[in-house]
Amino acid sequence: MDMNATSSGDSGPAERRQEPRPRALKAARLLFGGFNMSFDCQIRNLSAHGARLLIEGNLSLPNDFYLYVVGDAVIAHVRATWRTSTEMGVQFLEPLVAPARHPDHRVNKLQLYRI
């Protein structure tokens, strides 16, 4: 799959989804680089298996990273499935859980705050 493919609206990525994703507008943070780097974004839609993220700025992000949903105070390891210059679709590689309940001890120790 071409990670840099562009899509207009939801037509491209939405056609490959196995389930509908309800619209959402949630603050989130991408964590990567051994948890030493982070970047703020917005979640535009969300399901148990993935999300569509709105990303501002021309940033080179890794394909795998952690997504922290700020208002819900939950985190999961995710993988990018498609990208445009301002959006990204991600697949959850594990369920969203509270950082204190995450199996990776590095996540347990992160200082993550709700907004």
PDB file of N, CA and C in Angstrom:
ATOM      1  N   MET A   1       0.844  -1.174   0.000  1.00  0.00           N
ATOM      2  CA  MET A   1       0.000   0.000   0.000  1.00  0.00           C
ATOM      3  C   MET A   1       0.888   1.235   0.000  1.00  0.00           C
ATOM      4  N   ASP A   2       0.533   2.237  -0.784  1.00  0.00           N
ATOM      5  CA  ASP A   2       1.304   3.474  -0.880  1.00  0.00           C
ATOM      6  C   ASP A   2       0.985   4.360   0.309  1.00  0.00           C
ATOM      7  N   MET A   3       1.968   4.564   1.181  1.00  0.00           N
ATOM      8  CA  MET A   3       1.762   5.351   2.396  1.00  0.00           C
ATOM      9  C   MET A   3       1.599   6.831   2.108  1.00  0.00           C
ATOM     10  N   ASN A   4       1.948   7.287   0.908  1.00  0.00           N
ATOM     11  CA  ASN A   4       1.845   8.703   0.581  1.00  0.00           C
ATOM     12  C   ASN A   4       0.703   8.976  -0.376  1.00  0.00           C
ATOM     13  N   ALA A   5      -0.151   8.012  -0.602  1.00  0.00           N
ATOM     14  CA  ALA A   5      -1.264   8.209  -1.518  1.00  0.00           C
ATOM     15  C   ALA A   5      -2.212   9.257  -0.970  1.00  0.00           C
ATOM     16  N   THR A   6      -2.748  10.045  -1.860  1.00  0.00           N
ATOM     17  CA  THR A   6      -3.696  11.066  -1.439  1.00  0.00           C
ATOM     18  C   THR A   6      -5.100  10.573  -1.675  1.00  0.00           C
ATOM     19  N   SER A   7      -6.028  11.109  -0.936  1.00  0.00           N
ATOM     20  CA  SER A   7      -7.425  10.774  -1.109  1.00  0.00           C
ATOM     21  C   SER A   7      -8.226  12.044  -0.956  1.00  0.00           C
ATOM     22  N   SER A   8      -9.341  12.102  -1.619  1.00  0.00           N
ATOM     23  CA  SER A   8     -10.211  13.263  -1.471  1.00  0.00           C
ATOM     24  C   SER A   8     -11.315  12.905  -0.502  1.00  0.00           C
ATOM     25  N   GLY A   9     -11.354  13.564   0.619  1.00  0.00           N
ATOM     26  CA  GLY A   9     -12.346  13.285   1.646  1.00  0.00           C
ATOM     27  C   GLY A   9     -12.157  11.912   2.232  1.00  0.00           C
ATOM     28  N   ASP A  10     -13.272  11.194   2.429  1.00  0.00           N
ATOM     29  CA  ASP A  10     -13.216   9.864   3.009  1.00  0.00           C
ATOM     30  C   ASP A  10     -13.285   8.761   1.964  1.00  0.00           C
ATOM     31  N   SER A  11     -13.399   9.083   0.681  1.00  0.00           N
ATOM     32  CA  SER A  11     -13.701   8.066  -0.314  1.00  0.00           C
ATOM     33  C   SER A  11     -12.651   6.970  -0.407  1.00  0.00           C
ATOM     34  N   GLY A  12     -11.365   7.282  -0.380  1.00  0.00           N
ATOM     35  CA  GLY A  12     -10.330   6.265  -0.493  1.00  0.00           C
ATOM     36  C   GLY A  12     -10.261   5.371   0.717  1.00  0.00           C
ATOM     37  N   PRO A  13      -9.832   5.870   1.866  1.00  0.00           N
ATOM     38  CA  PRO A  13      -9.686   5.035   3.046  1.00  0.00           C
ATOM     39  C   PRO A  13     -11.001   4.433   3.529  1.00  0.00           C
ATOM     40  N   ALA A  14     -12.101   5.149   3.414  1.00  0.00           N
ATOM     41  CA  ALA A  14     -13.375   4.662   3.926  1.00  0.00           C
ATOM     42  C   ALA A  14     -13.809   3.386   3.223  1.00  0.00           C
ATOM     43  N   GLU A  15     -13.469   3.237   1.943  1.00  0.00           N
ATOM     44  CA  GLU A  15     -13.887   2.067   1.191  1.00  0.00           C
ATOM     45  C   GLU A  15     -13.232   0.793   1.704  1.00  0.00           C
ATOM     46  N   ARG A  16     -12.081   0.887   2.361  1.00  0.00           N
ATOM     47  CA  ARG A  16     -11.369  -0.286   2.843  1.00  0.00           C
ATOM     48  C   ARG A  16     -11.672  -0.602   4.304  1.00  0.00           C
ATOM     49  N   ARG A  17     -12.435   0.209   4.967  1.00  0.00           N
ATOM     50  CA  ARG A  17     -12.746  -0.037   6.380  1.00  0.00           C
ATOM     51  C   ARG A  17     -13.677  -1.226   6.530  1.00  0.00           C
ATOM     52  N   GLN A  18     -13.456  -1.989   7.586  1.00  0.00           N
ATOM     53  CA  GLN A  18     -14.317  -3.121   7.869  1.00  0.00           C
ATOM     54  C   GLN A  18     -15.518  -2.726   8.711  1.00  0.00           C
ATOM     55  N   GLU A  19     -15.486  -1.533   9.284  1.00  0.00           N
ATOM     56  CA  GLU A  19     -16.584  -1.051  10.102  1.00  0.00           C
ATOM     57  C   GLU A  19     -16.656   0.467   9.979  1.00  0.00           C
ATOM     58  N   PRO A  20     -17.835   1.040  10.181  1.00  0.00           N
ATOM     59  CA  PRO A  20     -17.924   2.503  10.127  1.00  0.00           C
ATOM     60  C   PRO A  20     -17.193   3.136  11.307  1.00  0.00           C
ATOM     61  N   ARG A  21     -16.684   4.332  11.096  1.00  0.00           N
ATOM     62  CA  ARG A  21     -16.023   5.065  12.174  1.00  0.00           C
ATOM     63  C   ARG A  21     -16.843   6.297  12.498  1.00  0.00           C
ATOM     64  N   PRO A  22     -17.404   6.366  13.688  1.00  0.00           N
ATOM     65  CA  PRO A  22     -18.161   7.558  14.077  1.00  0.00           C
ATOM     66  C   PRO A  22     -17.254   8.786  14.104  1.00  0.00           C
ATOM     67  N   ARG A  23     -17.815   9.917  13.725  1.00  0.00           N
ATOM     68  CA  ARG A  23     -17.068  11.175  13.766  1.00  0.00           C
ATOM     69  C   ARG A  23     -16.681  11.498  15.188  1.00  0.00           C
ATOM     70  N   ALA A  24     -15.539  12.139  15.310  1.00  0.00           N
ATOM     71  CA  ALA A  24     -15.041  12.544  16.625  1.00  0.00           C
ATOM     72  C   ALA A  24     -14.244  13.824  16.446  1.00  0.00           C
ATOM     73  N   LEU A  25     -14.098  14.553  17.482  1.00  0.00           N
ATOM     74  CA  LEU A  25     -13.203  15.704  17.505  1.00  0.00           C
ATOM     75  C   LEU A  25     -12.534  15.674  18.871  1.00  0.00           C
ATOM     76  N   LYS A  26     -11.395  14.984  18.915  1.00  0.00           N
ATOM     77  CA  LYS A  26     -10.698  14.782  20.182  1.00  0.00           C
ATOM     78  C   LYS A  26      -9.246  15.197  20.033  1.00  0.00           C
ATOM     79  N   ALA A  27      -8.717  15.791  21.075  1.00  0.00           N
ATOM     80  CA  ALA A  27      -7.290  16.112  21.109  1.00  0.00           C
ATOM     81  C   ALA A  27      -6.508  14.832  21.335  1.00  0.00           C
ATOM     82  N   ALA A  28      -5.363  14.722  20.660  1.00  0.00           N
ATOM     83  CA  ALA A  28      -4.530  13.533  20.809  1.00  0.00           C
ATOM     84  C   ALA A  28      -3.064  13.928  20.692  1.00  0.00           C
ATOM     85  N   ARG A  29      -2.222  13.005  21.083  1.00  0.00           N
ATOM     86  CA  ARG A  29      -0.785  13.227  21.010  1.00  0.00           C
ATOM     87  C   ARG A  29      -0.144  11.973  20.427  1.00  0.00           C
ATOM     88  N   LEU A  30       0.744  12.159  19.451  1.00  0.00           N
ATOM     89  CA  LEU A  30       1.510  11.063  18.880  1.00  0.00           C
ATOM     90  C   LEU A  30       2.819  10.965  19.647  1.00  0.00           C
ATOM     91  N   LEU A  31       3.179   9.786  20.091  1.00  0.00           N
ATOM     92  CA  LEU A  31       4.413   9.570  20.856  1.00  0.00           C
ATOM     93  C   LEU A  31       5.299   8.607  20.077  1.00  0.00           C
ATOM     94  N   PHE A  32       6.558   8.992  19.883  1.00  0.00           N
ATOM     95  CA  PHE A  32       7.473   8.169  19.103  1.00  0.00           C
ATOM     96  C   PHE A  32       8.909   8.472  19.519  1.00  0.00           C
ATOM     97  N   GLY A  33       9.865   7.826  18.860  1.00  0.00           N
ATOM     98  CA  GLY A  33      11.270   8.052  19.204  1.00  0.00           C
ATOM     99  C   GLY A  33      11.602   7.599  20.609  1.00  0.00           C
ATOM    100  N   GLY A  34      11.145   6.408  20.967  1.00  0.00           N
ATOM    101  CA  GLY A  34      11.403   5.912  22.327  1.00  0.00           C
ATOM    102  C   GLY A  34      10.728   6.753  23.391  1.00  0.00           C
ATOM    103  N   PHE A  35       9.583   7.345  23.042  1.00  0.00           N
ATOM    104  CA  PHE A  35       8.799   8.220  23.929  1.00  0.00           C
ATOM    105  C   PHE A  35       9.513   9.536  24.241  1.00  0.00           C
ATOM    106  N   ASN A  36      10.535   9.880  23.449  1.00  0.00           N
ATOM    107  CA  ASN A  36      11.236  11.142  23.642  1.00  0.00           C
ATOM    108  C   ASN A  36      10.668  12.261  22.770  1.00  0.00           C
ATOM    109  N   MET A  37       9.811  11.926  21.812  1.00  0.00           N
ATOM    110  CA  MET A  37       9.247  12.923  20.913  1.00  0.00           C
ATOM    111  C   MET A  37       7.731  12.796  20.914  1.00  0.00           C
ATOM    112  N   SER A  38       7.056  13.932  20.781  1.00  0.00           N
ATOM    113  CA  SER A  38       5.599  13.913  20.702  1.00  0.00           C
ATOM    114  C   SER A  38       5.126  15.010  19.760  1.00  0.00           C
ATOM    115  N   PHE A  39       3.907  14.831  19.274  1.00  0.00           N
ATOM    116  CA  PHE A  39       3.319  15.790  18.350  1.00  0.00           C
ATOM    117  C   PHE A  39       1.818  15.798  18.586  1.00  0.00           C
ATOM    118  N   ASP A  40       1.220  16.978  18.707  1.00  0.00           N
ATOM    119  CA  ASP A  40      -0.223  17.090  18.921  1.00  0.00           C
ATOM    120  C   ASP A  40      -0.976  16.934  17.606  1.00  0.00           C
ATOM    121  N   CYS A  41      -2.153  16.351  17.687  1.00  0.00           N
ATOM    122  CA  CYS A  41      -3.018  16.195  16.513  1.00  0.00           C
ATOM    123  C   CYS A  41      -4.464  16.156  16.991  1.00  0.00           C
ATOM    124  N   GLN A  42      -5.384  16.005  16.045  1.00  0.00           N
ATOM    125  CA  GLN A  42      -6.807  15.852  16.365  1.00  0.00           C
ATOM    126  C   GLN A  42      -7.311  14.552  15.767  1.00  0.00           C
ATOM    127  N   ILE A  43      -8.183  13.885  16.483  1.00  0.00           N
ATOM    128  CA  ILE A  43      -8.843  12.691  15.966  1.00  0.00           C
ATOM    129  C   ILE A  43     -10.140  13.148  15.312  1.00  0.00           C
ATOM    130  N   ARG A  44     -10.341  12.803  14.050  1.00  0.00           N
ATOM    131  CA  ARG A  44     -11.536  13.200  13.305  1.00  0.00           C
ATOM    132  C   ARG A  44     -12.605  12.120  13.313  1.00  0.00           C
ATOM    133  N   ASN A  45     -12.198  10.853  13.333  1.00  0.00           N
ATOM    134  CA  ASN A  45     -13.154   9.770  13.541  1.00  0.00           C
ATOM    135  C   ASN A  45     -12.418   8.625  14.226  1.00  0.00           C
ATOM    136  N   LEU A  46     -13.192   7.789  14.897  1.00  0.00           N
ATOM    137  CA  LEU A  46     -12.587   6.805  15.795  1.00  0.00           C
ATOM    138  C   LEU A  46     -13.461   5.565  15.899  1.00  0.00           C
ATOM    139  N   SER A  47     -12.827   4.397  15.835  1.00  0.00           N
ATOM    140  CA  SER A  47     -13.514   3.136  16.080  1.00  0.00           C
ATOM    141  C   SER A  47     -12.595   2.281  16.950  1.00  0.00           C
ATOM    142  N   ALA A  48     -13.026   1.082  17.249  1.00  0.00           N
ATOM    143  CA  ALA A  48     -12.205   0.187  18.060  1.00  0.00           C
ATOM    144  C   ALA A  48     -10.965  -0.289  17.311  1.00  0.00           C
ATOM    145  N   HIS A  49     -10.973  -0.159  15.979  1.00  0.00           N
ATOM    146  CA  HIS A  49      -9.871  -0.696  15.183  1.00  0.00           C
ATOM    147  C   HIS A  49      -8.993   0.355  14.518  1.00  0.00           C
ATOM    148  N   GLY A  50      -9.412   1.626  14.525  1.00  0.00           N
ATOM    149  CA  GLY A  50      -8.603   2.643  13.878  1.00  0.00           C
ATOM    150  C   GLY A  50      -9.145   4.039  14.063  1.00  0.00           C
ATOM    151  N   ALA A  51      -8.417   4.990  13.477  1.00  0.00           N
ATOM    152  CA  ALA A  51      -8.792   6.395  13.597  1.00  0.00           C
ATOM    153  C   ALA A  51      -8.271   7.181  12.399  1.00  0.00           C
ATOM    154  N   ARG A  52      -8.904   8.321  12.158  1.00  0.00           N
ATOM    155  CA  ARG A  52      -8.436   9.282  11.160  1.00  0.00           C
ATOM    156  C   ARG A  52      -7.932  10.492  11.921  1.00  0.00           C
ATOM    157  N   LEU A  53      -6.676  10.860  11.680  1.00  0.00           N
ATOM    158  CA  LEU A  53      -6.037  11.945  12.407  1.00  0.00           C
ATOM    159  C   LEU A  53      -5.840  13.155  11.518  1.00  0.00           C
ATOM    160  N   LEU A  54      -6.052  14.332  12.068  1.00  0.00           N
ATOM    161  CA  LEU A  54      -5.747  15.590  11.401  1.00  0.00           C
ATOM    162  C   LEU A  54      -4.414  16.065  11.952  1.00  0.00           C
ATOM    163  N   ILE A  55      -3.442  16.230  11.057  1.00  0.00           N
ATOM    164  CA  ILE A  55      -2.087  16.590  11.463  1.00  0.00           C
ATOM    165  C   ILE A  55      -1.709  17.885  10.776  1.00  0.00           C
ATOM    166  N   GLU A  56      -1.307  18.873  11.561  1.00  0.00           N
ATOM    167  CA  GLU A  56      -0.893  20.156  11.000  1.00  0.00           C
ATOM    168  C   GLU A  56       0.617  20.206  10.909  1.00  0.00           C
ATOM    169  N   GLY A  57       1.108  20.762   9.831  1.00  0.00           N
ATOM    170  CA  GLY A  57       2.554  20.876   9.655  1.00  0.00           C
ATOM    171  C   GLY A  57       3.088  19.734   8.822  1.00  0.00           C
ATOM    172  N   ASN A  58       4.137  19.985   8.126  1.00  0.00           N
ATOM    173  CA  ASN A  58       4.765  18.975   7.284  1.00  0.00           C
ATOM    174  C   ASN A  58       5.785  18.224   8.124  1.00  0.00           C
ATOM    175  N   LEU A  59       5.346  17.168   8.755  1.00  0.00           N
ATOM    176  CA  LEU A  59       6.171  16.438   9.703  1.00  0.00           C
ATOM    177  C   LEU A  59       6.409  15.021   9.198  1.00  0.00           C
ATOM    178  N   SER A  60       7.620  14.562   9.303  1.00  0.00           N
ATOM    179  CA  SER A  60       7.947  13.195   8.942  1.00  0.00           C
ATOM    180  C   SER A  60       7.750  12.317  10.172  1.00  0.00           C
ATOM    181  N   LEU A  61       6.705  11.514  10.143  1.00  0.00           N
ATOM    182  CA  LEU A  61       6.376  10.643  11.272  1.00  0.00           C
ATOM    183  C   LEU A  61       6.688   9.199  10.923  1.00  0.00           C
ATOM    184  N   PRO A  62       7.051   8.407  11.922  1.00  0.00           N
ATOM    185  CA  PRO A  62       7.274   6.976  11.665  1.00  0.00           C
ATOM    186  C   PRO A  62       5.950   6.284  11.349  1.00  0.00           C
ATOM    187  N   ASN A  63       6.018   5.092  10.806  1.00  0.00           N
ATOM    188  CA  ASN A  63       4.800   4.332  10.507  1.00  0.00           C
ATOM    189  C   ASN A  63       4.146   3.778  11.763  1.00  0.00           C
ATOM    190  N   ASP A  64       4.944   3.406  12.765  1.00  0.00           N
ATOM    191  CA  ASP A  64       4.415   2.882  14.026  1.00  0.00           C
ATOM    192  C   ASP A  64       4.714   3.882  15.138  1.00  0.00           C
ATOM    193  N   PHE A  65       3.717   4.151  15.970  1.00  0.00           N
ATOM    194  CA  PHE A  65       3.888   5.068  17.089  1.00  0.00           C
ATOM    195  C   PHE A  65       2.762   4.813  18.081  1.00  0.00           C
ATOM    196  N   TYR A  66       2.749   5.552  19.176  1.00  0.00           N
ATOM    197  CA  TYR A  66       1.679   5.451  20.162  1.00  0.00           C
ATOM    198  C   TYR A  66       0.759   6.648  20.014  1.00  0.00           C
ATOM    199  N   LEU A  67      -0.540   6.407  20.130  1.00  0.00           N
ATOM    200  CA  LEU A  67      -1.550   7.462  20.065  1.00  0.00           C
ATOM    201  C   LEU A  67      -2.171   7.595  21.444  1.00  0.00           C
ATOM    202  N   TYR A  68      -2.051   8.774  22.031  1.00  0.00           N
ATOM    203  CA  TYR A  68      -2.643   9.062  23.340  1.00  0.00           C
ATOM    204  C   TYR A  68      -3.837   9.972  23.123  1.00  0.00           C
ATOM    205  N   VAL A  69      -5.023   9.522  23.512  1.00  0.00           N
ATOM    206  CA  VAL A  69      -6.250  10.310  23.407  1.00  0.00           C
ATOM    207  C   VAL A  69      -6.379  11.106  24.695  1.00  0.00           C
ATOM    208  N   VAL A  70      -6.144  12.399  24.602  1.00  0.00           N
ATOM    209  CA  VAL A  70      -5.963  13.241  25.776  1.00  0.00           C
ATOM    210  C   VAL A  70      -7.194  13.273  26.678  1.00  0.00           C
ATOM    211  N   GLY A  71      -8.354  13.613  26.171  1.00  0.00           N
ATOM    212  CA  GLY A  71      -9.550  13.750  27.004  1.00  0.00           C
ATOM    213  C   GLY A  71     -10.013  12.450  27.638  1.00  0.00           C
ATOM    214  N   ASP A  72      -9.754  11.337  26.960  1.00  0.00           N
ATOM    215  CA  ASP A  72     -10.154  10.029  27.482  1.00  0.00           C
ATOM    216  C   ASP A  72      -9.053   9.379  28.322  1.00  0.00           C
ATOM    217  N   ALA A  73      -7.844   9.934  28.242  1.00  0.00           N
ATOM    218  CA  ALA A  73      -6.677   9.419  28.975  1.00  0.00           C
ATOM    219  C   ALA A  73      -6.441   7.939  28.685  1.00  0.00           C
ATOM    220  N   VAL A  74      -6.405   7.594  27.382  1.00  0.00           N
ATOM    221  CA  VAL A  74      -6.119   6.230  26.955  1.00  0.00           C
ATOM    222  C   VAL A  74      -5.037   6.265  25.877  1.00  0.00           C
ATOM    223  N   ILE A  75      -4.327   5.143  25.727  1.00  0.00           N
ATOM    224  CA  ILE A  75      -3.200   5.072  24.802  1.00  0.00           C
ATOM    225  C   ILE A  75      -3.191   3.718  24.096  1.00  0.00           C
ATOM    226  N   ALA A  76      -2.658   3.687  22.858  1.00  0.00           N
ATOM    227  CA  ALA A  76      -2.509   2.431  22.121  1.00  0.00           C
ATOM    228  C   ALA A  76      -1.376   2.570  21.113  1.00  0.00           C
ATOM    229  N   HIS A  77      -0.754   1.460  20.812  1.00  0.00           N
ATOM    230  CA  HIS A  77       0.245   1.383  19.746  1.00  0.00           C
ATOM    231  C   HIS A  77      -0.524   1.312  18.429  1.00  0.00           C
ATOM    232  N   VAL A  78      -0.141   2.141  17.441  1.00  0.00           N
ATOM    233  CA  VAL A  78      -0.858   2.214  16.168  1.00  0.00           C
ATOM    234  C   VAL A  78       0.118   2.125  15.002  1.00  0.00           C
ATOM    235  N   ARG A  79      -0.441   1.869  13.819  1.00  0.00           N
ATOM    236  CA  ARG A  79       0.339   1.844  12.581  1.00  0.00           C
ATOM    237  C   ARG A  79      -0.393   2.681  11.532  1.00  0.00           C
ATOM    238  N   ALA A  80       0.342   3.549  10.846  1.00  0.00           N
ATOM    239  CA  ALA A  80      -0.227   4.356   9.769  1.00  0.00           C
ATOM    240  C   ALA A  80      -0.584   3.450   8.591  1.00  0.00           C
ATOM    241  N   THR A  81      -1.792   3.630   8.053  1.00  0.00           N
ATOM    242  CA  THR A  81      -2.222   2.836   6.902  1.00  0.00           C
ATOM    243  C   THR A  81      -2.336   3.685   5.644  1.00  0.00           C
ATOM    244  N   TRP A  82      -2.529   4.990   5.798  1.00  0.00           N
ATOM    245  CA  TRP A  82      -2.537   5.917   4.666  1.00  0.00           C
ATOM    246  C   TRP A  82      -2.220   7.311   5.181  1.00  0.00           C
ATOM    247  N   ARG A  83      -1.756   8.177   4.270  1.00  0.00           N
ATOM    248  CA  ARG A  83      -1.394   9.551   4.635  1.00  0.00           C
ATOM    249  C   ARG A  83      -1.682  10.506   3.493  1.00  0.00           C
ATOM    250  N   THR A  84      -2.012  11.726   3.858  1.00  0.00           N
ATOM    251  CA  THR A  84      -2.005  12.849   2.935  1.00  0.00           C
ATOM    252  C   THR A  84      -1.145  13.912   3.619  1.00  0.00           C
ATOM    253  N   SER A  85      -1.100  15.108   3.058  1.00  0.00           N
ATOM    254  CA  SER A  85      -0.279  16.148   3.676  1.00  0.00           C
ATOM    255  C   SER A  85      -0.861  16.644   4.994  1.00  0.00           C
ATOM    256  N   THR A  86      -2.161  16.430   5.245  1.00  0.00           N
ATOM    257  CA  THR A  86      -2.790  16.940   6.463  1.00  0.00           C
ATOM    258  C   THR A  86      -3.521  15.883   7.289  1.00  0.00           C
ATOM    259  N   GLU A  87      -3.630  14.661   6.777  1.00  0.00           N
ATOM    260  CA  GLU A  87      -4.372  13.622   7.482  1.00  0.00           C
ATOM    261  C   GLU A  87      -3.623  12.295   7.439  1.00  0.00           C
ATOM    262  N   MET A  88      -4.028  11.420   8.350  1.00  0.00           N
ATOM    263  CA  MET A  88      -3.439  10.091   8.417  1.00  0.00           C
ATOM    264  C   MET A  88      -4.473   9.120   8.967  1.00  0.00           C
ATOM    265  N   GLY A  89      -4.541   7.954   8.372  1.00  0.00           N
ATOM    266  CA  GLY A  89      -5.358   6.876   8.899  1.00  0.00           C
ATOM    267  C   GLY A  89      -4.468   5.923   9.670  1.00  0.00           C
ATOM    268  N   VAL A  90      -4.913   5.513  10.844  1.00  0.00           N
ATOM    269  CA  VAL A  90      -4.126   4.574  11.644  1.00  0.00           C
ATOM    270  C   VAL A  90      -4.969   3.372  12.032  1.00  0.00           C
ATOM    271  N   GLN A  91      -4.289   2.252  12.172  1.00  0.00           N
ATOM    272  CA  GLN A  91      -4.883   1.005  12.630  1.00  0.00           C
ATOM    273  C   GLN A  91      -4.359   0.742  14.033  1.00  0.00           C
ATOM    274  N   PHE A  92      -5.252   0.386  14.947  1.00  0.00           N
ATOM    275  CA  PHE A  92      -4.825   0.052  16.303  1.00  0.00           C
ATOM    276  C   PHE A  92      -4.195  -1.336  16.310  1.00  0.00           C
ATOM    277  N   LEU A  93      -2.991  -1.435  16.859  1.00  0.00           N
ATOM    278  CA  LEU A  93      -2.301  -2.710  16.988  1.00  0.00           C
ATOM    279  C   LEU A  93      -2.622  -3.378  18.319  1.00  0.00           C
ATOM    280  N   GLU A  94      -3.334  -2.651  19.175  1.00  0.00           N
ATOM    281  CA  GLU A  94      -3.762  -3.137  20.489  1.00  0.00           C
ATOM    282  C   GLU A  94      -4.931  -2.267  20.936  1.00  0.00           C
ATOM    283  N   PRO A  95      -5.713  -2.698  21.904  1.00  0.00           N
ATOM    284  CA  PRO A  95      -6.832  -1.881  22.391  1.00  0.00           C
ATOM    285  C   PRO A  95      -6.344  -0.632  23.123  1.00  0.00           C
ATOM    286  N   LEU A  96      -7.157   0.408  23.085  1.00  0.00           N
ATOM    287  CA  LEU A  96      -6.896   1.614  23.877  1.00  0.00           C
ATOM    288  C   LEU A  96      -7.080   1.279  25.347  1.00  0.00           C
ATOM    289  N   VAL A  97      -6.099   1.645  26.177  1.00  0.00           N
ATOM    290  CA  VAL A  97      -6.176   1.407  27.620  1.00  0.00           C
ATOM    291  C   VAL A  97      -5.593   2.602  28.356  1.00  0.00           C
ATOM    292  N   ALA A  98      -5.902   2.702  29.631  1.00  0.00           N
ATOM    293  CA  ALA A  98      -5.285   3.727  30.471  1.00  0.00           C
ATOM    294  C   ALA A  98      -3.791   3.444  30.549  1.00  0.00           C
ATOM    295  N   PRO A  99      -2.947   4.472  30.521  1.00  0.00           N
ATOM    296  CA  PRO A  99      -1.500   4.243  30.570  1.00  0.00           C
ATOM    297  C   PRO A  99      -1.056   3.360  31.741  1.00  0.00           C
ATOM    298  N   ALA A 100      -1.679   3.482  32.884  1.00  0.00           N
ATOM    299  CA  ALA A 100      -1.299   2.670  34.052  1.00  0.00           C
ATOM    300  C   ALA A 100      -1.583   1.183  33.838  1.00  0.00           C
ATOM    301  N   ARG A 101      -2.498   0.858  32.911  1.00  0.00           N
ATOM    302  CA  ARG A 101      -2.853  -0.542  32.648  1.00  0.00           C
ATOM    303  C   ARG A 101      -2.152  -1.104  31.421  1.00  0.00           C
ATOM    304  N   HIS A 102      -1.319  -0.290  30.755  1.00  0.00           N
ATOM    305  CA  HIS A 102      -0.655  -0.748  29.535  1.00  0.00           C
ATOM    306  C   HIS A 102       0.423  -1.773  29.874  1.00  0.00           C
ATOM    307  N   PRO A 103       0.571  -2.829  29.065  1.00  0.00           N
ATOM    308  CA  PRO A 103       1.563  -3.867  29.375  1.00  0.00           C
ATOM    309  C   PRO A 103       3.022  -3.412  29.233  1.00  0.00           C
ATOM    310  N   ASP A 104       3.285  -2.371  28.465  1.00  0.00           N
ATOM    311  CA  ASP A 104       4.660  -1.876  28.311  1.00  0.00           C
ATOM    312  C   ASP A 104       4.991  -0.980  29.501  1.00  0.00           C
ATOM    313  N   HIS A 105       5.968  -1.367  30.307  1.00  0.00           N
ATOM    314  CA  HIS A 105       6.306  -0.615  31.521  1.00  0.00           C
ATOM    315  C   HIS A 105       6.742   0.817  31.212  1.00  0.00           C
ATOM    316  N   ARG A 106       7.256   1.074  29.996  1.00  0.00           N
ATOM    317  CA  ARG A 106       7.645   2.445  29.629  1.00  0.00           C
ATOM    318  C   ARG A 106       6.430   3.355  29.551  1.00  0.00           C
ATOM    319  N   VAL A 107       5.299   2.832  29.101  1.00  0.00           N
ATOM    320  CA  VAL A 107       4.061   3.613  29.015  1.00  0.00           C
ATOM    321  C   VAL A 107       3.548   3.921  30.416  1.00  0.00           C
ATOM    322  N   ASN A 108       3.674   2.960  31.328  1.00  0.00           N
ATOM    323  CA  ASN A 108       3.216   3.160  32.712  1.00  0.00           C
ATOM    324  C   ASN A 108       3.874   4.364  33.366  1.00  0.00           C
ATOM    325  N   LYS A 109       5.114   4.643  32.981  1.00  0.00           N
ATOM    326  CA  LYS A 109       5.892   5.706  33.622  1.00  0.00           C
ATOM    327  C   LYS A 109       5.766   7.068  32.949  1.00  0.00           C
ATOM    328  N   LEU A 110       5.066   7.131  31.816  1.00  0.00           N
ATOM    329  CA  LEU A 110       4.931   8.409  31.111  1.00  0.00           C
ATOM    330  C   LEU A 110       4.116   9.403  31.927  1.00  0.00           C
ATOM    331  N   GLN A 111       4.484  10.651  31.852  1.00  0.00           N
ATOM    332  CA  GLN A 111       3.737  11.725  32.515  1.00  0.00           C
ATOM    333  C   GLN A 111       2.759  12.295  31.488  1.00  0.00           C
ATOM    334  N   LEU A 112       1.594  11.677  31.366  1.00  0.00           N
ATOM    335  CA  LEU A 112       0.575  12.100  30.418  1.00  0.00           C
ATOM    336  C   LEU A 112      -0.546  12.782  31.190  1.00  0.00           C
ATOM    337  N   TYR A 113      -1.015  13.888  30.653  1.00  0.00           N
ATOM    338  CA  TYR A 113      -2.011  14.670  31.357  1.00  0.00           C
ATOM    339  C   TYR A 113      -3.243  14.881  30.500  1.00  0.00           C
ATOM    340  N   ARG A 114      -4.380  14.944  31.143  1.00  0.00           N
ATOM    341  CA  ARG A 114      -5.630  15.282  30.469  1.00  0.00           C
ATOM    342  C   ARG A 114      -5.699  16.785  30.302  1.00  0.00           C
ATOM    343  N   ILE A 115      -6.335  17.190  29.226  1.00  0.00           N
ATOM    344  CA  ILE A 115      -6.559  18.635  28.985  1.00  0.00           C
ATOM    345  C   ILE A 115      -8.029  18.924  29.197  1.00  0.00           C
TER     346      ILE A 115
END
